[in-house]
Protein backbone atom coordinates (compact mmCIF):
# COMPACT_ATOMS: atom_id res chain seq x y z
CA MET A 1 8.11 -4.77 2.37
CA PRO A 2 9.98 -3.98 -0.63
CA GLU A 3 8.67 -4.59 -3.93
CA GLY A 4 9.57 -8.09 -5.29
CA GLN A 5 9.55 -9.56 -2.22
CA GLY A 6 6.66 -12.05 -1.41
CA ALA A 7 3.08 -11.16 -0.59
CA VAL A 8 0.93 -10.88 2.56
CA GLU A 9 -1.94 -11.94 3.31
CA LEU A 10 -4.61 -10.03 5.40
CA ALA A 11 -7.66 -12.14 7.00
CA ALA A 12 -10.00 -10.61 9.76
CA ILE A 13 -12.13 -12.59 11.82
CA LEU A 14 -15.26 -10.53 12.70
CA VAL A 15 -17.57 -10.83 15.84
CA PRO A 16 -20.23 -13.27 14.36
CA SER A 17 -23.11 -11.27 12.82
CA THR A 18 -22.50 -7.97 13.18
CA ALA A 19 -20.90 -7.73 9.33
CA GLU A 20 -23.55 -6.62 6.84
CA ALA A 21 -23.08 -8.55 3.63
CA SER A 22 -22.90 -4.93 1.91
CA GLU A 23 -20.60 -3.53 4.01
CA LEU A 24 -18.26 -6.05 3.52
CA ASP A 25 -18.72 -5.78 -0.78
CA ALA A 26 -17.35 -1.98 -0.03
CA VAL A 27 -14.25 -2.92 2.18
CA ILE A 28 -13.39 -5.14 -0.72
CA ALA A 29 -14.43 -2.79 -3.72
CA ALA A 30 -12.31 0.02 -2.13
CA LEU A 31 -9.63 -2.65 -1.45
CA GLU A 32 -9.31 -3.22 -4.91
CA ARG A 33 -9.25 0.20 -5.93
CA SER A 34 -5.61 -0.34 -4.10
CA ALA A 35 -2.74 -0.80 -7.22
CA ALA A 36 -0.38 -3.07 -4.42
CA VAL A 37 -3.85 -5.61 -4.23
CA LYS A 38 -4.01 -8.34 -6.55
CA SER A 39 -6.90 -9.95 -5.50
CA ALA A 40 -9.89 -9.06 -2.25
CA THR A 41 -12.87 -11.65 -1.61
CA TRP A 42 -14.79 -12.64 1.86
CA THR A 43 -16.28 -15.82 2.51
CA VAL A 44 -18.88 -17.08 5.88
CA GLY A 45 -17.69 -19.56 8.18
CA THR A 46 -17.42 -21.04 11.45
CA THR A 47 -14.24 -21.21 14.26
CA SER A 48 -13.43 -23.16 16.58
């Protein structure tokens, strides 16, 4: 996407109980090191 043409949102749904908080924190830290990333976070939720 050319610069200045909006934003891209990335989402991933993981298999229940397979993700460790420390692993998710490491992914977020890696994403935040990129100049192209404005913000990164993870949450726990349920899907239907």
